[in-house]
């Protein structure tokens, strides 16, 4: 569906096309996760911003919503076993 998008401009930051391309081209779980997080950060559109983007824009919005839910579940799963989540201190993506 991303290949049907004519213009990512109204959907997010200027990084969004590169983020989507990185996610599409990912070959490993680590690349999948980092690409998904990049797309999630770069996609900043509100639903009203997508009114002129057609079905492709609507599909991307739905995909990003599902992607964000999956990332949230992934981030919460270490807490269930007592480990820090990736974004908490000591986690994979912590500073």
C-alpha atoms as a PDB file:
ATOM      1  CA  UNK A   1       0.000   0.000   0.000  1.00  0.00           C
ATOM      2  CA  UNK A   2       2.884   2.406   0.654  1.00  0.00           C
ATOM      3  CA  UNK A   3       3.823   2.178  -3.022  1.00  0.00           C
ATOM      4  CA  UNK A   4       0.400   3.644  -3.885  1.00  0.00           C
ATOM      5  CA  UNK A   5       1.047   6.854  -1.933  1.00  0.00           C
ATOM      6  CA  UNK A   6       1.758   9.731  -4.292  1.00  0.00           C
ATOM      7  CA  UNK A   7       2.810  12.264  -1.649  1.00  0.00           C
ATOM      8  CA  UNK A   8       3.810  11.544   1.940  1.00  0.00           C
ATOM      9  CA  UNK A   9       4.020  15.302   2.648  1.00  0.00           C
ATOM     10  CA  UNK A  10       0.674  15.736   4.404  1.00  0.00           C
ATOM     11  CA  UNK A  11       1.238  12.572   6.433  1.00  0.00           C
ATOM     12  CA  UNK A  12       4.256  13.497   8.480  1.00  0.00           C
ATOM     13  CA  UNK A  13       7.788  14.742   8.681  1.00  0.00           C
ATOM     14  CA  UNK A  14      10.126  14.891   5.680  1.00  0.00           C
ATOM     15  CA  UNK A  15      11.696  11.655   7.003  1.00  0.00           C
ATOM     16  CA  UNK A  16       8.524   9.615   6.426  1.00  0.00           C
ATOM     17  CA  UNK A  17       9.335   8.402   2.877  1.00  0.00           C
ATOM     18  CA  UNK A  18      12.786   7.207   3.996  1.00  0.00           C
ATOM     19  CA  UNK A  19      11.314   5.579   7.103  1.00  0.00           C
ATOM     20  CA  UNK A  20       8.726   3.696   5.054  1.00  0.00           C
ATOM     21  CA  UNK A  21      11.397   2.612   2.561  1.00  0.00           C
ATOM     22  CA  UNK A  22      13.603   1.344   5.394  1.00  0.00           C
ATOM     23  CA  UNK A  23      10.734  -0.653   6.876  1.00  0.00           C
ATOM     24  CA  UNK A  24       9.789  -2.132   3.499  1.00  0.00           C
ATOM     25  CA  UNK A  25      13.418  -3.115   2.840  1.00  0.00           C
ATOM     26  CA  UNK A  26      14.077  -4.582   6.306  1.00  0.00           C
ATOM     27  CA  UNK A  27      15.370  -8.134   6.418  1.00  0.00           C
ATOM     28  CA  UNK A  28      15.793  -8.845  10.131  1.00  0.00           C
ATOM     29  CA  UNK A  29      13.688  -8.475  13.267  1.00  0.00           C
ATOM     30  CA  UNK A  30      15.965  -5.689  14.506  1.00  0.00           C
ATOM     31  CA  UNK A  31      15.538  -3.787  11.240  1.00  0.00           C
ATOM     32  CA  UNK A  32      11.785  -4.405  11.372  1.00  0.00           C
ATOM     33  CA  UNK A  33      11.501  -2.938  14.845  1.00  0.00           C
ATOM     34  CA  UNK A  34      13.747   0.061  14.228  1.00  0.00           C
ATOM     35  CA  UNK A  35      11.980   0.777  10.918  1.00  0.00           C
ATOM     36  CA  UNK A  36       8.570   0.506  12.592  1.00  0.00           C
ATOM     37  CA  UNK A  37       9.626   2.909  15.341  1.00  0.00           C
ATOM     38  CA  UNK A  38      10.980   5.348  12.737  1.00  0.00           C
ATOM     39  CA  UNK A  39       7.719   5.237  10.761  1.00  0.00           C
ATOM     40  CA  UNK A  40       5.750   5.738  13.960  1.00  0.00           C
ATOM     41  CA  UNK A  41       7.794   8.828  14.875  1.00  0.00           C
ATOM     42  CA  UNK A  42       7.712  10.268  11.354  1.00  0.00           C
ATOM     43  CA  UNK A  43       3.962   9.811  10.837  1.00  0.00           C
ATOM     44  CA  UNK A  44       2.381  12.868  12.466  1.00  0.00           C
ATOM     45  CA  UNK A  45      -0.873  13.353  10.539  1.00  0.00           C
ATOM     46  CA  UNK A  46      -4.225  13.739  12.185  1.00  0.00           C
ATOM     47  CA  UNK A  47      -7.134  11.997  10.437  1.00  0.00           C
ATOM     48  CA  UNK A  48      -8.343  15.302   8.953  1.00  0.00           C
ATOM     49  CA  UNK A  49      -4.914  15.837   7.359  1.00  0.00           C
ATOM     50  CA  UNK A  50      -5.472  12.746   5.237  1.00  0.00           C
ATOM     51  CA  UNK A  51      -8.784  13.710   3.645  1.00  0.00           C
ATOM     52  CA  UNK A  52      -7.153  14.521   0.304  1.00  0.00           C
ATOM     53  CA  UNK A  53      -4.830  11.501   0.206  1.00  0.00           C
ATOM     54  CA  UNK A  54      -7.360   8.932  -1.007  1.00  0.00           C
ATOM     55  CA  UNK A  55      -7.485   5.281  -0.072  1.00  0.00           C
ATOM     56  CA  UNK A  56      -3.720   4.934   0.134  1.00  0.00           C
ATOM     57  CA  UNK A  57      -3.525   7.625   2.827  1.00  0.00           C
ATOM     58  CA  UNK A  58      -6.370   6.036   4.751  1.00  0.00           C
ATOM     59  CA  UNK A  59      -4.689   2.633   4.524  1.00  0.00           C
ATOM     60  CA  UNK A  60      -1.363   4.042   5.724  1.00  0.00           C
ATOM     61  CA  UNK A  61      -3.115   5.700   8.684  1.00  0.00           C
ATOM     62  CA  UNK A  62      -4.736   2.410   9.635  1.00  0.00           C
ATOM     63  CA  UNK A  63      -1.446   0.572   9.265  1.00  0.00           C
ATOM     64  CA  UNK A  64       0.359   3.072  11.478  1.00  0.00           C
ATOM     65  CA  UNK A  65      -2.340   2.720  14.138  1.00  0.00           C
ATOM     66  CA  UNK A  66      -1.878  -1.068  14.126  1.00  0.00           C
ATOM     67  CA  UNK A  67       1.899  -0.673  14.092  1.00  0.00           C
ATOM     68  CA  UNK A  68       1.782   1.668  17.123  1.00  0.00           C
ATOM     69  CA  UNK A  69      -0.422  -0.797  19.011  1.00  0.00           C
ATOM     70  CA  UNK A  70       2.023  -3.608  18.259  1.00  0.00           C
ATOM     71  CA  UNK A  71       4.975  -1.483  19.394  1.00  0.00           C
ATOM     72  CA  UNK A  72       3.150  -0.578  22.611  1.00  0.00           C
ATOM     73  CA  UNK A  73       2.508  -4.249  23.290  1.00  0.00           C
ATOM     74  CA  UNK A  74       6.135  -5.036  22.547  1.00  0.00           C
ATOM     75  CA  UNK A  75       7.270  -2.301  24.941  1.00  0.00           C
ATOM     76  CA  UNK A  76       4.958  -3.578  27.680  1.00  0.00           C
ATOM     77  CA  UNK A  77       5.924  -7.238  27.368  1.00  0.00           C
ATOM     78  CA  UNK A  78       9.256  -7.011  29.274  1.00  0.00           C
ATOM     79  CA  UNK A  79       7.376  -5.565  32.264  1.00  0.00           C
ATOM     80  CA  UNK A  80       5.400  -8.787  32.459  1.00  0.00           C
ATOM     81  CA  UNK A  81       8.622 -10.692  33.135  1.00  0.00           C
ATOM     82  CA  UNK A  82      10.239  -7.989  35.266  1.00  0.00           C
ATOM     83  CA  UNK A  83      12.705  -6.554  32.720  1.00  0.00           C
ATOM     84  CA  UNK A  84      12.963  -2.901  31.606  1.00  0.00           C
ATOM     85  CA  UNK A  85      11.146  -2.008  28.409  1.00  0.00           C
ATOM     86  CA  UNK A  86      13.290  -0.901  25.447  1.00  0.00           C
ATOM     87  CA  UNK A  87      12.697   2.782  26.184  1.00  0.00           C
ATOM     88  CA  UNK A  88      13.158   2.630  29.969  1.00  0.00           C
ATOM     89  CA  UNK A  89      16.566   3.144  31.631  1.00  0.00           C
ATOM     90  CA  UNK A  90      18.590   0.012  31.011  1.00  0.00           C
ATOM     91  CA  UNK A  91      16.442  -0.966  28.018  1.00  0.00           C
ATOM     92  CA  UNK A  92      17.647  -1.520  24.462  1.00  0.00           C
ATOM     93  CA  UNK A  93      16.766   1.976  23.226  1.00  0.00           C
ATOM     94  CA  UNK A  94      17.486   3.931  26.416  1.00  0.00           C
ATOM     95  CA  UNK A  95      20.036   6.730  26.389  1.00  0.00           C
END
